[in-house]
Amino acid sequence: MTSFTIILHIYNSPLALVVTPLAMAPYSFLVKTLNDKGESMIIKRLPGKGWIGEKVKMKFFTKQNIRRLGKLLETKEKEILPLIKS
């Protein structure tokens, strides 16, 4: 599946993330930093439209930041759906 880049501002600093869609139902994504230091995590959308992180090793990814990233992904949903289906 095709990856794309999202910029998330954490502590007033931009963080470039490479997001790779994994599955359509439930929505799940593999998230890595752009410099790819081996740190990655998986985020999934919950049935109640919430977001949860799995295998989170990056200490700055709090529950709030995972929700913010999920909201960014939701705004890009029309662009993401064709990537997941391919």
N, C-alpha and C. Protein backbone atom coordinates (compact mmCIF):
# COMPACT_ATOMS: atom_id res chain seq x y z
N MET A 1 0.82 -1.17 0.00
CA MET A 1 0.00 0.00 0.00
C MET A 1 0.88 1.25 0.00
N THR A 2 0.34 2.31 -0.52
CA THR A 2 1.08 3.54 -0.68
C THR A 2 1.14 4.33 0.63
N SER A 3 2.31 4.84 0.93
CA SER A 3 2.50 5.66 2.13
C SER A 3 2.35 7.14 1.77
N PHE A 4 2.09 7.94 2.77
CA PHE A 4 2.02 9.38 2.59
C PHE A 4 2.59 10.04 3.84
N THR A 5 2.86 11.34 3.74
CA THR A 5 3.48 12.08 4.83
C THR A 5 2.47 13.04 5.45
N ILE A 6 2.50 13.11 6.77
CA ILE A 6 1.67 14.06 7.53
C ILE A 6 2.61 14.81 8.47
N ILE A 7 2.36 16.11 8.61
CA ILE A 7 3.11 16.92 9.56
C ILE A 7 2.23 17.15 10.79
N LEU A 8 2.73 16.75 11.95
CA LEU A 8 2.03 16.94 13.21
C LEU A 8 2.89 17.82 14.09
N HIS A 9 2.33 18.88 14.63
CA HIS A 9 3.09 19.79 15.49
C HIS A 9 2.97 19.33 16.94
N ILE A 10 4.10 18.98 17.52
CA ILE A 10 4.18 18.54 18.90
C ILE A 10 5.16 19.45 19.62
N TYR A 11 4.73 20.01 20.73
CA TYR A 11 5.55 20.95 21.50
C TYR A 11 6.06 22.08 20.62
N ASN A 12 5.19 22.61 19.77
CA ASN A 12 5.49 23.72 18.86
C ASN A 12 6.58 23.40 17.85
N SER A 13 6.86 22.13 17.62
CA SER A 13 7.84 21.73 16.61
C SER A 13 7.16 20.80 15.60
N PRO A 14 7.43 21.00 14.31
CA PRO A 14 6.82 20.11 13.32
C PRO A 14 7.50 18.74 13.33
N LEU A 15 6.70 17.70 13.23
CA LEU A 15 7.20 16.34 13.17
C LEU A 15 6.63 15.69 11.92
N ALA A 16 7.49 15.31 10.99
CA ALA A 16 7.05 14.66 9.77
C ALA A 16 6.90 13.16 10.03
N LEU A 17 5.73 12.64 9.71
CA LEU A 17 5.42 11.24 9.93
C LEU A 17 5.07 10.57 8.60
N VAL A 18 5.57 9.38 8.39
CA VAL A 18 5.22 8.57 7.23
C VAL A 18 4.13 7.61 7.68
N VAL A 19 2.99 7.69 7.03
CA VAL A 19 1.83 6.89 7.41
C VAL A 19 1.54 5.88 6.30
N THR A 20 1.42 4.61 6.68
CA THR A 20 1.11 3.55 5.73
C THR A 20 -0.19 2.88 6.15
N PRO A 21 -1.23 2.93 5.32
CA PRO A 21 -2.48 2.25 5.66
C PRO A 21 -2.25 0.73 5.71
N LEU A 22 -2.81 0.09 6.74
CA LEU A 22 -2.68 -1.36 6.89
C LEU A 22 -3.97 -2.09 6.56
N ALA A 23 -5.10 -1.58 7.03
CA ALA A 23 -6.37 -2.25 6.82
C ALA A 23 -7.50 -1.23 6.78
N MET A 24 -8.57 -1.59 6.09
CA MET A 24 -9.70 -0.69 5.96
C MET A 24 -10.68 -0.85 7.11
N ALA A 25 -10.93 -2.06 7.55
CA ALA A 25 -11.89 -2.27 8.64
C ALA A 25 -11.26 -3.14 9.69
N PRO A 26 -10.94 -2.68 10.87
CA PRO A 26 -11.00 -1.28 11.27
C PRO A 26 -9.83 -0.52 10.65
N TYR A 27 -9.99 0.77 10.50
CA TYR A 27 -8.90 1.58 9.97
C TYR A 27 -7.68 1.41 10.87
N SER A 28 -6.57 1.03 10.27
CA SER A 28 -5.33 0.96 11.04
C SER A 28 -4.18 1.42 10.15
N PHE A 29 -3.21 2.06 10.79
CA PHE A 29 -2.11 2.68 10.07
C PHE A 29 -0.80 2.43 10.80
N LEU A 30 0.26 2.19 10.04
CA LEU A 30 1.61 2.11 10.57
C LEU A 30 2.20 3.52 10.47
N VAL A 31 2.72 4.03 11.57
CA VAL A 31 3.24 5.39 11.62
C VAL A 31 4.71 5.35 12.01
N LYS A 32 5.56 5.98 11.19
CA LYS A 32 7.00 6.08 11.46
C LYS A 32 7.41 7.53 11.32
N THR A 33 8.51 7.88 11.97
CA THR A 33 9.06 9.22 11.77
C THR A 33 9.74 9.25 10.41
N LEU A 34 9.87 10.43 9.85
CA LEU A 34 10.45 10.57 8.52
C LEU A 34 11.89 10.10 8.47
N ASN A 35 12.65 10.32 9.56
CA ASN A 35 14.04 9.89 9.56
C ASN A 35 14.17 8.38 9.81
N ASP A 36 13.07 7.71 10.12
CA ASP A 36 12.99 6.25 10.25
C ASP A 36 14.09 5.68 11.15
N LYS A 37 14.08 6.09 12.40
CA LYS A 37 15.06 5.57 13.36
C LYS A 37 14.62 4.23 13.95
N GLY A 38 13.72 3.56 13.25
CA GLY A 38 13.26 2.27 13.74
C GLY A 38 12.09 2.35 14.69
N GLU A 39 11.70 3.57 15.07
CA GLU A 39 10.56 3.75 15.95
C GLU A 39 9.30 3.81 15.11
N SER A 40 8.37 2.93 15.39
CA SER A 40 7.10 2.93 14.68
C SER A 40 6.00 2.55 15.64
N MET A 41 4.78 2.85 15.24
CA MET A 41 3.63 2.47 16.04
C MET A 41 2.47 2.20 15.10
N ILE A 42 1.45 1.59 15.63
CA ILE A 42 0.24 1.33 14.87
C ILE A 42 -0.88 2.07 15.57
N ILE A 43 -1.67 2.82 14.78
CA ILE A 43 -2.85 3.44 15.37
C ILE A 43 -4.08 2.86 14.69
N LYS A 44 -5.13 2.69 15.47
CA LYS A 44 -6.38 2.12 14.98
C LYS A 44 -7.54 3.00 15.40
N ARG A 45 -8.56 3.03 14.52
CA ARG A 45 -9.78 3.77 14.86
C ARG A 45 -10.72 2.80 15.56
N LEU A 46 -11.22 3.22 16.70
CA LEU A 46 -12.16 2.43 17.49
C LEU A 46 -13.57 2.61 16.94
N PRO A 47 -14.48 1.68 17.24
CA PRO A 47 -15.85 1.80 16.73
C PRO A 47 -16.54 3.09 17.14
N GLY A 48 -16.20 3.65 18.29
CA GLY A 48 -16.80 4.91 18.73
C GLY A 48 -16.14 6.13 18.13
N LYS A 49 -15.38 5.94 17.06
CA LYS A 49 -14.65 7.00 16.35
C LYS A 49 -13.50 7.57 17.17
N GLY A 50 -13.03 6.85 18.16
CA GLY A 50 -11.84 7.25 18.90
C GLY A 50 -10.62 6.60 18.26
N TRP A 51 -9.45 6.91 18.75
CA TRP A 51 -8.21 6.36 18.22
C TRP A 51 -7.38 5.78 19.36
N ILE A 52 -6.66 4.71 19.07
CA ILE A 52 -5.80 4.05 20.05
C ILE A 52 -4.46 3.73 19.40
N GLY A 53 -3.40 3.80 20.17
CA GLY A 53 -2.07 3.47 19.68
C GLY A 53 -1.60 2.13 20.21
N GLU A 54 -0.90 1.38 19.37
CA GLU A 54 -0.31 0.11 19.76
C GLU A 54 1.17 0.15 19.47
N LYS A 55 1.95 -0.49 20.29
CA LYS A 55 3.40 -0.56 20.11
C LYS A 55 4.02 0.84 20.08
N VAL A 56 3.52 1.73 20.93
CA VAL A 56 3.99 3.11 20.96
C VAL A 56 5.31 3.16 21.73
N LYS A 57 6.38 3.56 21.05
CA LYS A 57 7.70 3.67 21.68
C LYS A 57 8.17 5.11 21.76
N MET A 58 7.51 6.00 21.03
CA MET A 58 7.89 7.41 21.02
C MET A 58 7.22 8.09 22.22
N LYS A 59 8.01 8.56 23.16
CA LYS A 59 7.48 9.06 24.42
C LYS A 59 6.60 10.30 24.27
N PHE A 60 6.73 11.05 23.19
CA PHE A 60 5.91 12.24 23.02
C PHE A 60 4.54 11.92 22.44
N PHE A 61 4.26 10.66 22.12
CA PHE A 61 2.95 10.29 21.63
C PHE A 61 2.04 9.91 22.79
N THR A 62 1.45 10.94 23.34
CA THR A 62 0.49 10.76 24.43
C THR A 62 -0.87 10.41 23.82
N LYS A 63 -1.84 10.11 24.65
CA LYS A 63 -3.19 9.82 24.16
C LYS A 63 -3.72 11.00 23.37
N GLN A 64 -3.44 12.20 23.85
CA GLN A 64 -3.92 13.40 23.16
C GLN A 64 -3.29 13.53 21.77
N ASN A 65 -2.00 13.28 21.64
CA ASN A 65 -1.33 13.39 20.34
C ASN A 65 -1.79 12.30 19.38
N ILE A 66 -2.09 11.13 19.90
CA ILE A 66 -2.62 10.06 19.05
C ILE A 66 -4.00 10.46 18.53
N ARG A 67 -4.82 11.06 19.39
CA ARG A 67 -6.14 11.53 18.95
C ARG A 67 -6.00 12.64 17.90
N ARG A 68 -5.04 13.54 18.09
CA ARG A 68 -4.81 14.62 17.12
C ARG A 68 -4.40 14.04 15.76
N LEU A 69 -3.52 13.04 15.78
CA LEU A 69 -3.10 12.39 14.54
C LEU A 69 -4.29 11.70 13.88
N GLY A 70 -5.11 11.04 14.67
CA GLY A 70 -6.31 10.40 14.14
C GLY A 70 -7.24 11.40 13.49
N LYS A 71 -7.41 12.56 14.11
CA LYS A 71 -8.27 13.60 13.53
C LYS A 71 -7.70 14.10 12.21
N LEU A 72 -6.37 14.22 12.12
CA LEU A 72 -5.75 14.60 10.84
C LEU A 72 -6.03 13.55 9.77
N LEU A 73 -5.95 12.29 10.15
CA LEU A 73 -6.23 11.21 9.20
C LEU A 73 -7.70 11.24 8.76
N GLU A 74 -8.60 11.56 9.68
CA GLU A 74 -10.01 11.66 9.32
C GLU A 74 -10.26 12.77 8.32
N THR A 75 -9.54 13.88 8.43
CA THR A 75 -9.72 14.97 7.48
C THR A 75 -9.20 14.60 6.10
N LYS A 76 -8.26 13.66 6.06
CA LYS A 76 -7.71 13.21 4.78
C LYS A 76 -8.38 11.93 4.28
N GLU A 77 -9.51 11.55 4.91
CA GLU A 77 -10.15 10.26 4.64
C GLU A 77 -10.44 10.04 3.16
N LYS A 78 -10.94 11.05 2.45
CA LYS A 78 -11.26 10.88 1.03
C LYS A 78 -10.02 10.58 0.20
N GLU A 79 -8.86 11.11 0.62
CA GLU A 79 -7.61 10.84 -0.07
C GLU A 79 -7.06 9.46 0.30
N ILE A 80 -7.31 9.03 1.54
CA ILE A 80 -6.74 7.78 2.05
C ILE A 80 -7.47 6.55 1.54
N LEU A 81 -8.80 6.62 1.42
CA LEU A 81 -9.58 5.45 1.04
C LEU A 81 -9.09 4.77 -0.24
N PRO A 82 -8.78 5.50 -1.32
CA PRO A 82 -8.25 4.82 -2.50
C PRO A 82 -6.92 4.11 -2.23
N LEU A 83 -6.11 4.63 -1.32
CA LEU A 83 -4.83 3.99 -0.99
C LEU A 83 -5.05 2.67 -0.27
N ILE A 84 -6.05 2.61 0.60
CA ILE A 84 -6.32 1.41 1.36
C ILE A 84 -6.88 0.31 0.45
N LYS A 85 -7.72 0.70 -0.50
CA LYS A 85 -8.35 -0.28 -1.38
C LYS A 85 -7.39 -0.86 -2.39
N SER A 86 -6.28 -0.16 -2.68
CA SER A 86 -5.36 -0.65 -3.72
C SER A 86 -4.43 -1.71 -3.18
